[in-house]
All heavy atoms as atom14 arrays in JSON, in Angstrom:
{
  "sequence": "PTLSKTRQGIFNALLTMIEPKDKVFFDLFAGSGIMSLEA",
  "atom14_mask": [
    [1, 1, 1, 1, 1, 1, 1, 0, 0, 0, 0, 0, 0, 0],
    [1, 1, 1, 1, 1, 1, 1, 0, 0, 0, 0, 0, 0, 0],
    [1, 1, 1, 1, 1, 1, 1, 1, 0, 0, 0, 0, 0, 0],
    [1, 1, 1, 1, 1, 1, 0, 0, 0, 0, 0, 0, 0, 0],
    [1, 1, 1, 1, 1, 1, 1, 1, 1, 0, 0, 0, 0, 0],
    [1, 1, 1, 1, 1, 1, 1, 0, 0, 0, 0, 0, 0, 0],
    [1, 1, 1, 1, 1, 1, 1, 1, 1, 1, 1, 0, 0, 0],
    [1, 1, 1, 1, 1, 1, 1, 1, 1, 0, 0, 0, 0, 0],
    [1, 1, 1, 1, 0, 0, 0, 0, 0, 0, 0, 0, 0, 0],
    [1, 1, 1, 1, 1, 1, 1, 1, 0, 0, 0, 0, 0, 0],
    [1, 1, 1, 1, 1, 1, 1, 1, 1, 1, 1, 0, 0, 0],
    [1, 1, 1, 1, 1, 1, 1, 1, 0, 0, 0, 0, 0, 0],
    [1, 1, 1, 1, 1, 0, 0, 0, 0, 0, 0, 0, 0, 0],
    [1, 1, 1, 1, 1, 1, 1, 1, 0, 0, 0, 0, 0, 0],
    [1, 1, 1, 1, 1, 1, 1, 1, 0, 0, 0, 0, 0, 0],
    [1, 1, 1, 1, 1, 1, 1, 0, 0, 0, 0, 0, 0, 0],
    [1, 1, 1, 1, 1, 1, 1, 1, 0, 0, 0, 0, 0, 0],
    [1, 1, 1, 1, 1, 1, 1, 1, 0, 0, 0, 0, 0, 0],
    [1, 1, 1, 1, 1, 1, 1, 1, 1, 0, 0, 0, 0, 0],
    [1, 1, 1, 1, 1, 1, 1, 0, 0, 0, 0, 0, 0, 0],
    [1, 1, 1, 1, 1, 1, 1, 1, 1, 0, 0, 0, 0, 0],
    [1, 1, 1, 1, 1, 1, 1, 1, 0, 0, 0, 0, 0, 0],
    [1, 1, 1, 1, 1, 1, 1, 1, 1, 0, 0, 0, 0, 0],
    [1, 1, 1, 1, 1, 1, 1, 0, 0, 0, 0, 0, 0, 0],
    [1, 1, 1, 1, 1, 1, 1, 1, 1, 1, 1, 0, 0, 0],
    [1, 1, 1, 1, 1, 1, 1, 1, 1, 1, 1, 0, 0, 0],
    [1, 1, 1, 1, 1, 1, 1, 1, 0, 0, 0, 0, 0, 0],
    [1, 1, 1, 1, 1, 1, 1, 1, 0, 0, 0, 0, 0, 0],
    [1, 1, 1, 1, 1, 1, 1, 1, 1, 1, 1, 0, 0, 0],
    [1, 1, 1, 1, 1, 0, 0, 0, 0, 0, 0, 0, 0, 0],
    [1, 1, 1, 1, 0, 0, 0, 0, 0, 0, 0, 0, 0, 0],
    [1, 1, 1, 1, 1, 1, 0, 0, 0, 0, 0, 0, 0, 0],
    [1, 1, 1, 1, 0, 0, 0, 0, 0, 0, 0, 0, 0, 0],
    [1, 1, 1, 1, 1, 1, 1, 1, 0, 0, 0, 0, 0, 0],
    [1, 1, 1, 1, 1, 1, 1, 1, 0, 0, 0, 0, 0, 0],
    [1, 1, 1, 1, 1, 1, 0, 0, 0, 0, 0, 0, 0, 0],
    [1, 1, 1, 1, 1, 1, 1, 1, 0, 0, 0, 0, 0, 0],
    [1, 1, 1, 1, 1, 1, 1, 1, 1, 0, 0, 0, 0, 0],
    [1, 1, 1, 1, 1, 0, 0, 0, 0, 0, 0, 0, 0, 0]
  ],
  "atom14_positions": [
    [[81.41, -44.23, 91.75], [82.64, -44.02, 90.98], [83.01, -45.26, 90.16], [82.82, -46.39, 90.6], [83.7, -43.75, 92.04], [82.96, -43.4, 93.28], [81.64, -44.09, 93.18], [0.0, 0.0, 0.0], [0.0, 0.0, 0.0], [0.0, 0.0, 0.0], [0.0, 0.0, 0.0], [0.0, 0.0, 0.0], [0.0, 0.0, 0.0], [0.0, 0.0, 0.0]],
    [[83.51, -45.01, 88.98], [83.99, -46.09, 88.13], [85.17, -46.76, 88.83], [86.1, -46.09, 89.28], [84.42, -45.53, 86.76], [83.29, -44.85, 86.18], [84.88, -46.63, 85.82], [0.0, 0.0, 0.0], [0.0, 0.0, 0.0], [0.0, 0.0, 0.0], [0.0, 0.0, 0.0], [0.0, 0.0, 0.0], [0.0, 0.0, 0.0], [0.0, 0.0, 0.0]],
    [[85.12, -48.07, 88.93], [86.16, -48.82, 89.64], [87.52, -48.68, 88.95], [87.59, -48.5, 87.73], [85.77, -50.29, 89.75], [84.49, -50.57, 90.53], [84.14, -52.05, 90.47], [84.6, -50.1, 91.97], [0.0, 0.0, 0.0], [0.0, 0.0, 0.0], [0.0, 0.0, 0.0], [0.0, 0.0, 0.0], [0.0, 0.0, 0.0], [0.0, 0.0, 0.0]],
    [[88.59, -48.8, 89.72], [89.94, -48.58, 89.18], [90.28, -49.53, 88.03], [90.86, -49.1, 87.03], [90.99, -48.68, 90.28], [90.97, -49.94, 90.88], [0.0, 0.0, 0.0], [0.0, 0.0, 0.0], [0.0, 0.0, 0.0], [0.0, 0.0, 0.0], [0.0, 0.0, 0.0], [0.0, 0.0, 0.0], [0.0, 0.0, 0.0], [0.0, 0.0, 0.0]],
    [[89.92, -50.78, 88.13], [90.2, -51.74, 87.04], [89.47, -51.31, 85.76], [90.03, -51.39, 84.67], [89.76, -53.14, 87.46], [90.01, -54.18, 86.4], [89.56, -55.56, 86.85], [89.77, -56.56, 85.73], [89.35, -57.91, 86.11], [0.0, 0.0, 0.0], [0.0, 0.0, 0.0], [0.0, 0.0, 0.0], [0.0, 0.0, 0.0], [0.0, 0.0, 0.0]],
    [[88.25, -50.84, 85.92], [87.46, -50.39, 84.77], [88.07, -49.12, 84.18], [88.22, -49.0, 82.96], [86.0, -50.15, 85.18], [85.49, -51.32, 85.83], [85.14, -49.82, 83.98], [0.0, 0.0, 0.0], [0.0, 0.0, 0.0], [0.0, 0.0, 0.0], [0.0, 0.0, 0.0], [0.0, 0.0, 0.0], [0.0, 0.0, 0.0], [0.0, 0.0, 0.0]],
    [[88.43, -48.17, 85.05], [89.05, -46.92, 84.57], [90.32, -47.22, 83.79], [90.56, -46.67, 82.72], [89.36, -45.98, 85.74], [88.15, -45.41, 86.42], [88.49, -44.25, 87.35], [89.65, -44.44, 88.2], [89.62, -44.96, 89.43], [88.49, -45.39, 89.95], [90.73, -45.06, 90.13], [0.0, 0.0, 0.0], [0.0, 0.0, 0.0], [0.0, 0.0, 0.0]],
    [[91.14, -48.08, 84.35], [92.4, -48.43, 83.69], [92.12, -49.08, 82.33], [92.78, -48.75, 81.34], [93.22, -49.35, 84.58], [94.63, -49.54, 84.09], [95.49, -50.2, 85.16], [95.03, -51.03, 85.94], [96.76, -49.85, 85.18], [0.0, 0.0, 0.0], [0.0, 0.0, 0.0], [0.0, 0.0, 0.0], [0.0, 0.0, 0.0], [0.0, 0.0, 0.0]],
    [[91.15, -49.97, 82.29], [90.78, -50.61, 81.02], [90.27, -49.62, 80.0], [90.62, -49.68, 78.81], [0.0, 0.0, 0.0], [0.0, 0.0, 0.0], [0.0, 0.0, 0.0], [0.0, 0.0, 0.0], [0.0, 0.0, 0.0], [0.0, 0.0, 0.0], [0.0, 0.0, 0.0], [0.0, 0.0, 0.0], [0.0, 0.0, 0.0], [0.0, 0.0, 0.0]],
    [[89.44, -48.68, 80.44], [88.89, -47.66, 79.54], [90.03, -46.85, 78.92], [90.1, -46.66, 77.71], [87.91, -46.73, 80.28], [86.62, -47.48, 80.61], [87.63, -45.47, 79.46], [85.69, -46.74, 81.56], [0.0, 0.0, 0.0], [0.0, 0.0, 0.0], [0.0, 0.0, 0.0], [0.0, 0.0, 0.0], [0.0, 0.0, 0.0], [0.0, 0.0, 0.0]],
    [[90.93, -46.36, 79.75], [91.99, -45.49, 79.23], [93.04, -46.28, 78.43], [93.58, -45.75, 77.46], [92.6, -44.64, 80.34], [91.72, -43.46, 80.65], [90.83, -43.52, 81.72], [91.74, -42.33, 79.86], [89.98, -42.45, 81.98], [90.91, -41.26, 80.12], [90.02, -41.32, 81.18], [0.0, 0.0, 0.0], [0.0, 0.0, 0.0], [0.0, 0.0, 0.0]],
    [[93.3, -47.53, 78.8], [94.21, -48.34, 77.98], [93.63, -48.52, 76.58], [94.34, -48.37, 75.58], [94.46, -49.7, 78.63], [95.38, -49.61, 79.83], [96.04, -48.61, 80.06], [95.4, -50.68, 80.62], [0.0, 0.0, 0.0], [0.0, 0.0, 0.0], [0.0, 0.0, 0.0], [0.0, 0.0, 0.0], [0.0, 0.0, 0.0], [0.0, 0.0, 0.0]],
    [[92.33, -48.82, 76.5], [91.68, -48.97, 75.18], [91.63, -47.64, 74.45], [91.95, -47.56, 73.25], [90.28, -49.54, 75.36], [0.0, 0.0, 0.0], [0.0, 0.0, 0.0], [0.0, 0.0, 0.0], [0.0, 0.0, 0.0], [0.0, 0.0, 0.0], [0.0, 0.0, 0.0], [0.0, 0.0, 0.0], [0.0, 0.0, 0.0], [0.0, 0.0, 0.0]],
    [[91.25, -46.59, 75.16], [91.11, -45.27, 74.54], [92.43, -44.78, 73.95], [92.46, -44.24, 72.84], [90.6, -44.27, 75.59], [90.31, -42.86, 75.12], [89.29, -42.85, 73.99], [89.82, -42.02, 76.3], [0.0, 0.0, 0.0], [0.0, 0.0, 0.0], [0.0, 0.0, 0.0], [0.0, 0.0, 0.0], [0.0, 0.0, 0.0], [0.0, 0.0, 0.0]],
    [[93.52, -44.99, 74.66], [94.81, -44.5, 74.18], [95.34, -45.27, 72.97], [96.28, -44.83, 72.32], [95.83, -44.48, 75.31], [95.5, -43.47, 76.43], [96.5, -43.56, 77.56], [95.4, -42.05, 75.89], [0.0, 0.0, 0.0], [0.0, 0.0, 0.0], [0.0, 0.0, 0.0], [0.0, 0.0, 0.0], [0.0, 0.0, 0.0], [0.0, 0.0, 0.0]],
    [[94.72, -46.4, 72.64], [95.06, -47.08, 71.38], [94.28, -46.48, 70.22], [94.6, -46.7, 69.07], [94.76, -48.6, 71.44], [93.36, -48.81, 71.53], [95.5, -49.27, 72.59], [0.0, 0.0, 0.0], [0.0, 0.0, 0.0], [0.0, 0.0, 0.0], [0.0, 0.0, 0.0], [0.0, 0.0, 0.0], [0.0, 0.0, 0.0], [0.0, 0.0, 0.0]],
    [[93.24, -45.69, 70.54], [92.37, -45.1, 69.52], [92.62, -43.62, 69.27], [92.28, -43.11, 68.21], [90.91, -45.28, 69.92], [90.44, -46.7, 70.04], [88.68, -46.71, 70.47], [88.71, -47.68, 71.96], [0.0, 0.0, 0.0], [0.0, 0.0, 0.0], [0.0, 0.0, 0.0], [0.0, 0.0, 0.0], [0.0, 0.0, 0.0], [0.0, 0.0, 0.0]],
    [[93.17, -42.93, 70.27], [93.29, -41.48, 70.17], [94.5, -40.99, 70.97], [94.79, -41.5, 72.04], [91.98, -40.81, 70.66], [91.93, -39.33, 70.29], [91.77, -41.01, 72.14], [90.55, -38.73, 70.47], [0.0, 0.0, 0.0], [0.0, 0.0, 0.0], [0.0, 0.0, 0.0], [0.0, 0.0, 0.0], [0.0, 0.0, 0.0], [0.0, 0.0, 0.0]],
    [[95.18, -40.01, 70.43], [96.31, -39.37, 71.11], [95.73, -38.21, 71.94], [95.05, -37.34, 71.4], [97.3, -38.84, 70.07], [98.31, -37.83, 70.57], [99.22, -38.37, 71.65], [99.67, -39.52, 71.54], [99.49, -37.62, 72.6], [0.0, 0.0, 0.0], [0.0, 0.0, 0.0], [0.0, 0.0, 0.0], [0.0, 0.0, 0.0], [0.0, 0.0, 0.0]],
    [[95.96, -38.17, 73.26], [95.3, -37.18, 74.12], [95.8, -35.74, 73.99], [95.07, -34.82, 74.35], [95.58, -37.71, 75.53], [96.77, -38.57, 75.41], [96.73, -39.14, 74.02], [0.0, 0.0, 0.0], [0.0, 0.0, 0.0], [0.0, 0.0, 0.0], [0.0, 0.0, 0.0], [0.0, 0.0, 0.0], [0.0, 0.0, 0.0], [0.0, 0.0, 0.0]],
    [[96.99, -35.55, 73.45], [97.55, -34.19, 73.37], [96.61, -33.29, 72.56], [96.22, -33.6, 71.45], [98.94, -34.23, 72.72], [99.66, -32.9, 72.73], [101.05, -33.05, 72.16], [101.89, -31.84, 72.09], [101.36, -30.55, 72.19], [0.0, 0.0, 0.0], [0.0, 0.0, 0.0], [0.0, 0.0, 0.0], [0.0, 0.0, 0.0], [0.0, 0.0, 0.0]],
    [[96.24, -32.16, 73.16], [95.36, -31.17, 72.55], [93.95, -31.7, 72.26], [93.25, -31.16, 71.4], [95.96, -30.61, 71.25], [97.3, -29.93, 71.48], [97.46, -29.26, 72.52], [98.2, -30.1, 70.64], [0.0, 0.0, 0.0], [0.0, 0.0, 0.0], [0.0, 0.0, 0.0], [0.0, 0.0, 0.0], [0.0, 0.0, 0.0], [0.0, 0.0, 0.0]],
    [[93.55, -32.73, 72.99], [92.21, -33.3, 72.8], [91.33, -32.98, 74.01], [91.81, -32.84, 75.13], [92.27, -34.82, 72.61], [93.08, -35.28, 71.39], [92.43, -34.89, 70.1], [92.99, -35.53, 68.86], [94.38, -35.32, 68.57], [0.0, 0.0, 0.0], [0.0, 0.0, 0.0], [0.0, 0.0, 0.0], [0.0, 0.0, 0.0], [0.0, 0.0, 0.0]],
    [[90.03, -32.88, 73.76], [89.06, -32.5, 74.78], [88.22, -33.71, 75.19], [87.68, -34.42, 74.35], [88.14, -31.36, 74.26], [87.07, -31.01, 75.28], [88.97, -30.13, 73.91], [0.0, 0.0, 0.0], [0.0, 0.0, 0.0], [0.0, 0.0, 0.0], [0.0, 0.0, 0.0], [0.0, 0.0, 0.0], [0.0, 0.0, 0.0], [0.0, 0.0, 0.0]],
    [[88.1, -33.91, 76.5], [87.36, -35.01, 77.11], [86.2, -34.42, 77.89], [86.4, -33.63, 78.81], [88.31, -35.77, 78.05], [87.75, -36.99, 78.71], [88.06, -38.25, 78.22], [86.94, -36.9, 79.84], [87.56, -39.4, 78.84], [86.45, -38.04, 80.46], [86.76, -39.29, 79.96], [0.0, 0.0, 0.0], [0.0, 0.0, 0.0], [0.0, 0.0, 0.0]],
    [[84.96, -34.76, 77.51], [83.78, -34.34, 78.26], [83.39, -35.48, 79.19], [83.22, -36.61, 78.75], [82.59, -34.07, 77.34], [82.64, -32.79, 76.54], [81.61, -32.51, 75.66], [83.65, -31.87, 76.66], [81.61, -31.34, 74.91], [83.68, -30.7, 75.92], [82.63, -30.43, 75.04], [0.0, 0.0, 0.0], [0.0, 0.0, 0.0], [0.0, 0.0, 0.0]],
    [[83.23, -35.16, 80.47], [82.8, -36.13, 81.48], [81.37, -35.75, 81.88], [81.16, -34.91, 82.75], [83.76, -36.08, 82.67], [83.46, -37.1, 83.75], [82.56, -37.93, 83.57], [84.15, -37.05, 84.79], [0.0, 0.0, 0.0], [0.0, 0.0, 0.0], [0.0, 0.0, 0.0], [0.0, 0.0, 0.0], [0.0, 0.0, 0.0], [0.0, 0.0, 0.0]],
    [[80.38, -36.37, 81.2], [78.99, -36.07, 81.49], [78.55, -36.82, 82.74], [78.91, -37.98, 82.92], [78.1, -36.47, 80.32], [78.47, -35.94, 78.93], [77.35, -36.25, 77.93], [78.8, -34.46, 78.94], [0.0, 0.0, 0.0], [0.0, 0.0, 0.0], [0.0, 0.0, 0.0], [0.0, 0.0, 0.0], [0.0, 0.0, 0.0], [0.0, 0.0, 0.0]],
    [[77.78, -36.16, 83.59], [77.29, -36.78, 84.83], [78.5, -37.2, 85.67], [78.64, -38.35, 86.07], [76.36, -37.96, 84.52], [75.37, -37.65, 83.41], [75.59, -38.1, 82.13], [74.25, -36.88, 83.67], [74.71, -37.79, 81.1], [73.36, -36.56, 82.65], [73.59, -37.02, 81.35], [0.0, 0.0, 0.0], [0.0, 0.0, 0.0], [0.0, 0.0, 0.0]],
    [[79.38, -36.25, 85.94], [80.73, -36.51, 86.47], [80.78, -37.22, 87.81], [81.77, -37.9, 88.09], [81.51, -35.2, 86.54], [0.0, 0.0, 0.0], [0.0, 0.0, 0.0], [0.0, 0.0, 0.0], [0.0, 0.0, 0.0], [0.0, 0.0, 0.0], [0.0, 0.0, 0.0], [0.0, 0.0, 0.0], [0.0, 0.0, 0.0], [0.0, 0.0, 0.0]],
    [[79.78, -37.06, 88.66], [79.81, -37.77, 89.95], [81.03, -37.41, 90.76], [81.22, -36.27, 91.16], [0.0, 0.0, 0.0], [0.0, 0.0, 0.0], [0.0, 0.0, 0.0], [0.0, 0.0, 0.0], [0.0, 0.0, 0.0], [0.0, 0.0, 0.0], [0.0, 0.0, 0.0], [0.0, 0.0, 0.0], [0.0, 0.0, 0.0], [0.0, 0.0, 0.0]],
    [[81.91, -38.37, 90.98], [83.11, -38.15, 91.8], [84.16, -37.3, 91.09], [85.06, -36.76, 91.72], [83.74, -39.49, 92.18], [84.29, -40.11, 91.03], [0.0, 0.0, 0.0], [0.0, 0.0, 0.0], [0.0, 0.0, 0.0], [0.0, 0.0, 0.0], [0.0, 0.0, 0.0], [0.0, 0.0, 0.0], [0.0, 0.0, 0.0], [0.0, 0.0, 0.0]],
    [[84.06, -37.2, 89.77], [85.07, -36.46, 89.0], [86.3, -37.28, 88.67], [87.22, -36.8, 88.01], [0.0, 0.0, 0.0], [0.0, 0.0, 0.0], [0.0, 0.0, 0.0], [0.0, 0.0, 0.0], [0.0, 0.0, 0.0], [0.0, 0.0, 0.0], [0.0, 0.0, 0.0], [0.0, 0.0, 0.0], [0.0, 0.0, 0.0], [0.0, 0.0, 0.0]],
    [[86.33, -38.55, 89.08], [87.53, -39.37, 88.89], [87.85, -39.59, 87.41], [89.03, -39.65, 87.05], [87.43, -40.71, 89.67], [88.78, -41.41, 89.73], [86.36, -41.62, 89.08], [89.84, -40.71, 90.53], [0.0, 0.0, 0.0], [0.0, 0.0, 0.0], [0.0, 0.0, 0.0], [0.0, 0.0, 0.0], [0.0, 0.0, 0.0], [0.0, 0.0, 0.0]],
    [[86.84, -39.68, 86.55], [87.14, -39.89, 85.12], [87.81, -38.65, 84.53], [88.7, -38.77, 83.7], [85.87, -40.27, 84.35], [85.35, -41.66, 84.69], [86.54, -42.99, 84.41], [86.56, -43.06, 82.63], [0.0, 0.0, 0.0], [0.0, 0.0, 0.0], [0.0, 0.0, 0.0], [0.0, 0.0, 0.0], [0.0, 0.0, 0.0], [0.0, 0.0, 0.0]],
    [[87.39, -37.48, 84.96], [88.04, -36.25, 84.5], [89.49, -36.21, 84.97], [90.39, -35.84, 84.2], [87.3, -35.01, 85.03], [86.03, -34.91, 84.45], [0.0, 0.0, 0.0], [0.0, 0.0, 0.0], [0.0, 0.0, 0.0], [0.0, 0.0, 0.0], [0.0, 0.0, 0.0], [0.0, 0.0, 0.0], [0.0, 0.0, 0.0], [0.0, 0.0, 0.0]],
    [[89.72, -36.59, 86.2], [91.09, -36.61, 86.73], [91.96, -37.62, 85.99], [93.12, -37.35, 85.68], [91.09, -36.88, 88.23], [90.58, -35.73, 89.09], [90.32, -36.19, 90.51], [91.54, -34.56, 89.05], [0.0, 0.0, 0.0], [0.0, 0.0, 0.0], [0.0, 0.0, 0.0], [0.0, 0.0, 0.0], [0.0, 0.0, 0.0], [0.0, 0.0, 0.0]],
    [[91.4, -38.78, 85.69], [92.12, -39.79, 84.91], [92.47, -39.24, 83.53], [93.58, -39.43, 83.02], [91.3, -41.08, 84.76], [91.07, -41.84, 86.04], [92.22, -42.77, 86.43], [93.28, -42.77, 85.78], [92.04, -43.51, 87.41], [0.0, 0.0, 0.0], [0.0, 0.0, 0.0], [0.0, 0.0, 0.0], [0.0, 0.0, 0.0], [0.0, 0.0, 0.0]],
    [[91.52, -38.53, 82.92], [91.75, -37.95, 81.59], [92.86, -36.9, 81.63], [93.77, -36.89, 80.79], [90.45, -37.35, 81.05], [0.0, 0.0, 0.0], [0.0, 0.0, 0.0], [0.0, 0.0, 0.0], [0.0, 0.0, 0.0], [0.0, 0.0, 0.0], [0.0, 0.0, 0.0], [0.0, 0.0, 0.0], [0.0, 0.0, 0.0], [0.0, 0.0, 0.0]]
  ]
}
């Protein structure tokens, strides 16, 4: 699983680039599914 500090960093950066409302997030090779849940 992607570590919490990394997940937080990814989404902090991502949310400066894209507004999530009505947007689709593909989690390839989902593993634990935590990235989908974060999204």
